[in-house]
Amino acid sequence: MTQRRSNDPIRTGARKAKAQRQVGQGAFCVDCGDAETLVKRSRPKRCITCYAAHKTKKTTEGHHIAGKANSPIEIEVPTKDHRALTEAQYEWPPGALGNADGSPLIAAAGFLDGTAEFIEQLIVRGLHYIAEFLRKLDAWLRDHCDQLWWKGTEFDGWQPI
């Protein structure tokens, strides 16, 4: 049976604070700058993805989308996403992740919750990725074309609705 850590925001905050203390206040990954998923034993400090890449290991992990007690189905996700998705499962209502008596309704609810969290993570990470790409593209255009590259183009005066 999978043990549910907590669906209590105070305990969640305490877990995160403890993890931060273990890696050091203000610490961040020397490769990507992430401060959320640091490996405490790494020297220099690296996040779980950069640490795995540095050790030439897989940078993805299998995630039981509905929780292991609810379904054997696993999806391969980046290590940082796996940590976030697993943390989200700890916030499920009591009994939902462990499903001690094997209720098919609880298993189906777990599959729905897990799928929703996966889609949410996918959309949020995708949107941040596109925003970062656009900032980098703008910087490149400013360096290689003109500081005001959009002037006199179809983008001149364009604003999102």
C-alpha atoms as a PDB file:
ATOM      1  CA  MET A   1       0.000   0.000   0.000  1.00  0.00           C
ATOM      2  CA  THR A   2       1.330   3.430  -0.947  1.00  0.00           C
ATOM      3  CA  GLN A   3       1.597   5.722   2.042  1.00  0.00           C
ATOM      4  CA  ARG A   4      -0.016   9.137   1.709  1.00  0.00           C
ATOM      5  CA  ARG A   5       2.257  11.793   3.152  1.00  0.00           C
ATOM      6  CA  SER A   6      -0.190  14.605   3.679  1.00  0.00           C
ATOM      7  CA  ASN A   7      -2.989  16.627   2.221  1.00  0.00           C
ATOM      8  CA  ASP A   8      -2.271  19.308   4.785  1.00  0.00           C
ATOM      9  CA  PRO A   9      -0.731  22.520   3.368  1.00  0.00           C
ATOM     10  CA  ILE A  10       1.212  23.122   6.583  1.00  0.00           C
ATOM     11  CA  ARG A  11       2.861  19.701   6.359  1.00  0.00           C
ATOM     12  CA  THR A  12       3.525  20.261   2.649  1.00  0.00           C
ATOM     13  CA  GLY A  13       5.253  23.543   3.484  1.00  0.00           C
ATOM     14  CA  ALA A  14       7.227  21.855   6.251  1.00  0.00           C
ATOM     15  CA  ARG A  15       8.403  19.126   3.818  1.00  0.00           C
ATOM     16  CA  LYS A  16       9.532  21.747   1.318  1.00  0.00           C
ATOM     17  CA  ALA A  17      11.298  23.789   4.012  1.00  0.00           C
ATOM     18  CA  LYS A  18      13.111  20.694   5.289  1.00  0.00           C
ATOM     19  CA  ALA A  19      14.231  19.797   1.766  1.00  0.00           C
ATOM     20  CA  GLN A  20      15.514  23.353   1.257  1.00  0.00           C
ATOM     21  CA  ARG A  21      17.470  23.248   4.544  1.00  0.00           C
ATOM     22  CA  GLN A  22      19.067  19.945   3.501  1.00  0.00           C
ATOM     23  CA  VAL A  23      20.506  21.451   0.320  1.00  0.00           C
ATOM     24  CA  GLY A  24      21.263  24.860   1.819  1.00  0.00           C
ATOM     25  CA  GLN A  25      19.384  28.140   1.836  1.00  0.00           C
ATOM     26  CA  GLY A  26      19.745  30.008  -1.443  1.00  0.00           C
ATOM     27  CA  ALA A  27      21.258  26.993  -3.232  1.00  0.00           C
ATOM     28  CA  PHE A  28      20.589  26.495  -6.926  1.00  0.00           C
ATOM     29  CA  CYS A  29      21.628  24.160  -9.750  1.00  0.00           C
ATOM     30  CA  VAL A  30      24.950  25.193 -11.277  1.00  0.00           C
ATOM     31  CA  ASP A  31      23.762  24.024 -14.702  1.00  0.00           C
ATOM     32  CA  CYS A  32      20.186  25.315 -15.059  1.00  0.00           C
ATOM     33  CA  GLY A  33      19.597  27.562 -12.024  1.00  0.00           C
ATOM     34  CA  ASP A  34      16.701  25.508 -10.594  1.00  0.00           C
ATOM     35  CA  ALA A  35      16.325  25.805  -6.831  1.00  0.00           C
ATOM     36  CA  GLU A  36      13.341  23.491  -6.303  1.00  0.00           C
ATOM     37  CA  THR A  37      14.610  19.993  -7.132  1.00  0.00           C
ATOM     38  CA  LEU A  38      18.191  19.947  -5.849  1.00  0.00           C
ATOM     39  CA  VAL A  39      19.991  16.716  -4.980  1.00  0.00           C
ATOM     40  CA  LYS A  40      21.415  17.123  -1.491  1.00  0.00           C
ATOM     41  CA  ARG A  41      24.450  14.877  -2.090  1.00  0.00           C
ATOM     42  CA  SER A  42      25.592  16.606  -5.303  1.00  0.00           C
ATOM     43  CA  ARG A  43      28.763  18.695  -5.304  1.00  0.00           C
ATOM     44  CA  PRO A  44      28.496  21.152  -6.958  1.00  0.00           C
ATOM     45  CA  LYS A  45      24.755  21.525  -6.436  1.00  0.00           C
ATOM     46  CA  ARG A  46      22.636  20.142  -9.267  1.00  0.00           C
ATOM     47  CA  CYS A  47      18.909  19.571  -9.725  1.00  0.00           C
ATOM     48  CA  ILE A  48      17.683  16.014 -10.205  1.00  0.00           C
ATOM     49  CA  THR A  49      17.627  16.336 -14.005  1.00  0.00           C
ATOM     50  CA  CYS A  50      21.089  17.878 -14.368  1.00  0.00           C
ATOM     51  CA  TYR A  51      22.479  15.454 -11.765  1.00  0.00           C
ATOM     52  CA  ALA A  52      21.168  12.468 -13.744  1.00  0.00           C
ATOM     53  CA  ALA A  53      22.503  13.906 -17.009  1.00  0.00           C
ATOM     54  CA  HIS A  54      25.910  14.559 -15.394  1.00  0.00           C
ATOM     55  CA  LYS A  55      26.010  10.937 -14.219  1.00  0.00           C
ATOM     56  CA  THR A  56      24.906   9.840 -17.749  1.00  0.00           C
ATOM     57  CA  LYS A  57      21.686   8.382 -16.328  1.00  0.00           C
ATOM     58  CA  LYS A  58      18.111   8.702 -17.603  1.00  0.00           C
ATOM     59  CA  THR A  59      16.543  12.118 -17.094  1.00  0.00           C
ATOM     60  CA  THR A  60      13.043  10.616 -17.092  1.00  0.00           C
ATOM     61  CA  GLU A  61      11.187   8.370 -14.667  1.00  0.00           C
ATOM     62  CA  GLY A  62       8.072   6.212 -14.744  1.00  0.00           C
ATOM     63  CA  HIS A  63       5.115   7.851 -13.011  1.00  0.00           C
ATOM     64  CA  HIS A  64       2.050   5.906 -11.885  1.00  0.00           C
ATOM     65  CA  ILE A  65      -0.479   8.416 -13.129  1.00  0.00           C
ATOM     66  CA  ALA A  66      -3.330   7.068 -10.960  1.00  0.00           C
ATOM     67  CA  GLY A  67      -1.084   6.029  -8.076  1.00  0.00           C
ATOM     68  CA  LYS A  68       0.499   2.569  -7.895  1.00  0.00           C
ATOM     69  CA  ALA A  69      -2.320   1.140  -5.759  1.00  0.00           C
ATOM     70  CA  ASN A  70      -4.917   2.269  -8.315  1.00  0.00           C
ATOM     71  CA  SER A  71      -3.320   1.223 -11.610  1.00  0.00           C
ATOM     72  CA  PRO A  72      -0.139  -0.356 -12.970  1.00  0.00           C
ATOM     73  CA  ILE A  73      -0.094   2.177 -15.832  1.00  0.00           C
ATOM     74  CA  GLU A  74       3.072   4.282 -15.893  1.00  0.00           C
ATOM     75  CA  ILE A  75       3.980   7.197 -18.096  1.00  0.00           C
ATOM     76  CA  GLU A  76       7.551   8.332 -18.689  1.00  0.00           C
ATOM     77  CA  VAL A  77       8.017  11.935 -17.553  1.00  0.00           C
ATOM     78  CA  PRO A  78      11.013  14.204 -16.921  1.00  0.00           C
ATOM     79  CA  THR A  79      12.399  13.762 -13.408  1.00  0.00           C
ATOM     80  CA  LYS A  80      11.377  17.267 -12.297  1.00  0.00           C
ATOM     81  CA  ASP A  81       7.833  16.678 -13.503  1.00  0.00           C
ATOM     82  CA  HIS A  82       7.751  13.309 -11.740  1.00  0.00           C
ATOM     83  CA  ARG A  83       8.611  14.983  -8.460  1.00  0.00           C
ATOM     84  CA  ALA A  84       5.882  17.620  -8.941  1.00  0.00           C
ATOM     85  CA  LEU A  85       3.275  15.050 -10.016  1.00  0.00           C
ATOM     86  CA  THR A  86       4.074  12.782  -7.077  1.00  0.00           C
ATOM     87  CA  GLU A  87       3.876  15.734  -4.687  1.00  0.00           C
ATOM     88  CA  ALA A  88       0.438  16.558  -6.138  1.00  0.00           C
ATOM     89  CA  GLN A  89      -0.707  12.987  -5.400  1.00  0.00           C
ATOM     90  CA  TYR A  90       0.145  13.484  -1.728  1.00  0.00           C
ATOM     91  CA  GLU A  91      -2.532  16.196  -1.702  1.00  0.00           C
ATOM     92  CA  TRP A  92      -5.290  13.801  -2.802  1.00  0.00           C
ATOM     93  CA  PRO A  93      -8.037  13.118  -0.243  1.00  0.00           C
ATOM     94  CA  PRO A  94      -7.232  10.540   2.454  1.00  0.00           C
ATOM     95  CA  GLY A  95      -7.465   6.998   1.103  1.00  0.00           C
ATOM     96  CA  ALA A  96      -7.405   7.994  -2.575  1.00  0.00           C
ATOM     97  CA  LEU A  97      -3.731   7.263  -3.236  1.00  0.00           C
ATOM     98  CA  GLY A  98      -3.459   4.083  -1.171  1.00  0.00           C
ATOM     99  CA  ASN A  99      -6.914   2.680  -2.039  1.00  0.00           C
ATOM    100  CA  ALA A 100      -6.460   0.023   0.667  1.00  0.00           C
ATOM    101  CA  ASP A 101      -9.544  -2.031  -0.231  1.00  0.00           C
ATOM    102  CA  GLY A 102      -9.081  -1.766  -4.021  1.00  0.00           C
ATOM    103  CA  SER A 103     -12.268   0.137  -4.827  1.00  0.00           C
ATOM    104  CA  PRO A 104     -12.639   0.473  -8.627  1.00  0.00           C
ATOM    105  CA  LEU A 105     -14.354   3.844  -8.149  1.00  0.00           C
ATOM    106  CA  ILE A 106     -11.438   5.208  -6.107  1.00  0.00           C
ATOM    107  CA  ALA A 107      -9.059   3.811  -8.761  1.00  0.00           C
ATOM    108  CA  ALA A 108     -11.023   5.563 -11.529  1.00  0.00           C
ATOM    109  CA  ALA A 109     -11.055   8.804  -9.530  1.00  0.00           C
ATOM    110  CA  GLY A 110      -7.294   8.481  -9.072  1.00  0.00           C
ATOM    111  CA  PHE A 111      -6.879   8.043 -12.805  1.00  0.00           C
ATOM    112  CA  LEU A 112      -8.941  11.179 -13.447  1.00  0.00           C
ATOM    113  CA  ASP A 113      -7.051  13.201 -10.815  1.00  0.00           C
ATOM    114  CA  GLY A 114      -3.679  12.003 -12.068  1.00  0.00           C
ATOM    115  CA  THR A 115      -4.543  12.665 -15.697  1.00  0.00           C
ATOM    116  CA  ALA A 116      -5.796  16.169 -14.866  1.00  0.00           C
ATOM    117  CA  GLU A 117      -2.575  16.940 -12.962  1.00  0.00           C
ATOM    118  CA  PHE A 118      -0.472  15.590 -15.834  1.00  0.00           C
ATOM    119  CA  ILE A 119      -2.333  17.700 -18.400  1.00  0.00           C
ATOM    120  CA  GLU A 120      -2.077  20.752 -16.134  1.00  0.00           C
ATOM    121  CA  GLN A 121       1.679  20.202 -15.758  1.00  0.00           C
ATOM    122  CA  LEU A 122       2.061  19.689 -19.508  1.00  0.00           C
ATOM    123  CA  ILE A 123       0.141  22.863 -20.345  1.00  0.00           C
ATOM    124  CA  VAL A 124       1.879  25.020 -17.734  1.00  0.00           C
ATOM    125  CA  ARG A 125       5.374  23.813 -18.684  1.00  0.00           C
ATOM    126  CA  GLY A 126       4.535  24.202 -22.361  1.00  0.00           C
ATOM    127  CA  LEU A 127       3.318  27.762 -21.895  1.00  0.00           C
ATOM    128  CA  HIS A 128       6.430  28.723 -19.897  1.00  0.00           C
ATOM    129  CA  TYR A 129       8.606  27.098 -22.568  1.00  0.00           C
ATOM    130  CA  ILE A 130       6.928  29.108 -25.345  1.00  0.00           C
ATOM    131  CA  ALA A 131       7.184  32.352 -23.335  1.00  0.00           C
ATOM    132  CA  GLU A 132      10.916  31.767 -22.730  1.00  0.00           C
ATOM    133  CA  PHE A 133      11.403  30.934 -26.420  1.00  0.00           C
ATOM    134  CA  LEU A 134       9.712  34.192 -27.452  1.00  0.00           C
ATOM    135  CA  ARG A 135      11.919  36.223 -25.082  1.00  0.00           C
ATOM    136  CA  LYS A 136      15.042  34.574 -26.487  1.00  0.00           C
ATOM    137  CA  LEU A 137      13.859  35.087 -30.071  1.00  0.00           C
ATOM    138  CA  ASP A 138      13.198  38.775 -29.358  1.00  0.00           C
ATOM    139  CA  ALA A 139      16.704  39.173 -27.886  1.00  0.00           C
ATOM    140  CA  TRP A 140      18.211  37.433 -30.924  1.00  0.00           C
ATOM    141  CA  LEU A 141      16.250  39.633 -33.354  1.00  0.00           C
ATOM    142  CA  ARG A 142      17.317  42.766 -31.454  1.00  0.00           C
ATOM    143  CA  ASP A 143      20.971  41.653 -31.679  1.00  0.00           C
ATOM    144  CA  HIS A 144      20.945  40.485 -35.299  1.00  0.00           C
ATOM    145  CA  CYS A 145      18.412  42.722 -37.020  1.00  0.00           C
ATOM    146  CA  ASP A 146      17.630  45.949 -35.291  1.00  0.00           C
ATOM    147  CA  GLN A 147      16.854  47.024 -31.759  1.00  0.00           C
ATOM    148  CA  LEU A 148      13.293  47.773 -32.889  1.00  0.00           C
ATOM    149  CA  TRP A 149      13.038  44.894 -35.380  1.00  0.00           C
ATOM    150  CA  TRP A 150       9.223  44.966 -35.493  1.00  0.00           C
ATOM    151  CA  LYS A 151       8.954  48.591 -36.724  1.00  0.00           C
ATOM    152  CA  GLY A 152       7.565  48.744 -40.245  1.00  0.00           C
ATOM    153  CA  THR A 153       6.416  45.095 -40.171  1.00  0.00           C
ATOM    154  CA  GLU A 154       2.990  43.527 -39.708  1.00  0.00           C
ATOM    155  CA  PHE A 155       3.856  43.267 -36.002  1.00  0.00           C
ATOM    156  CA  ASP A 156       4.144  47.053 -35.619  1.00  0.00           C
ATOM    157  CA  GLY A 157       1.414  48.102 -33.177  1.00  0.00           C
ATOM    158  CA  TRP A 158       0.250  44.523 -32.622  1.00  0.00           C
ATOM    159  CA  GLN A 159      -0.755  43.676 -29.068  1.00  0.00           C
ATOM    160  CA  PRO A 160      -2.345  40.516 -27.701  1.00  0.00           C
ATOM    161  CA  ILE A 161      -6.056  40.851 -27.108  1.00  0.00           C
END
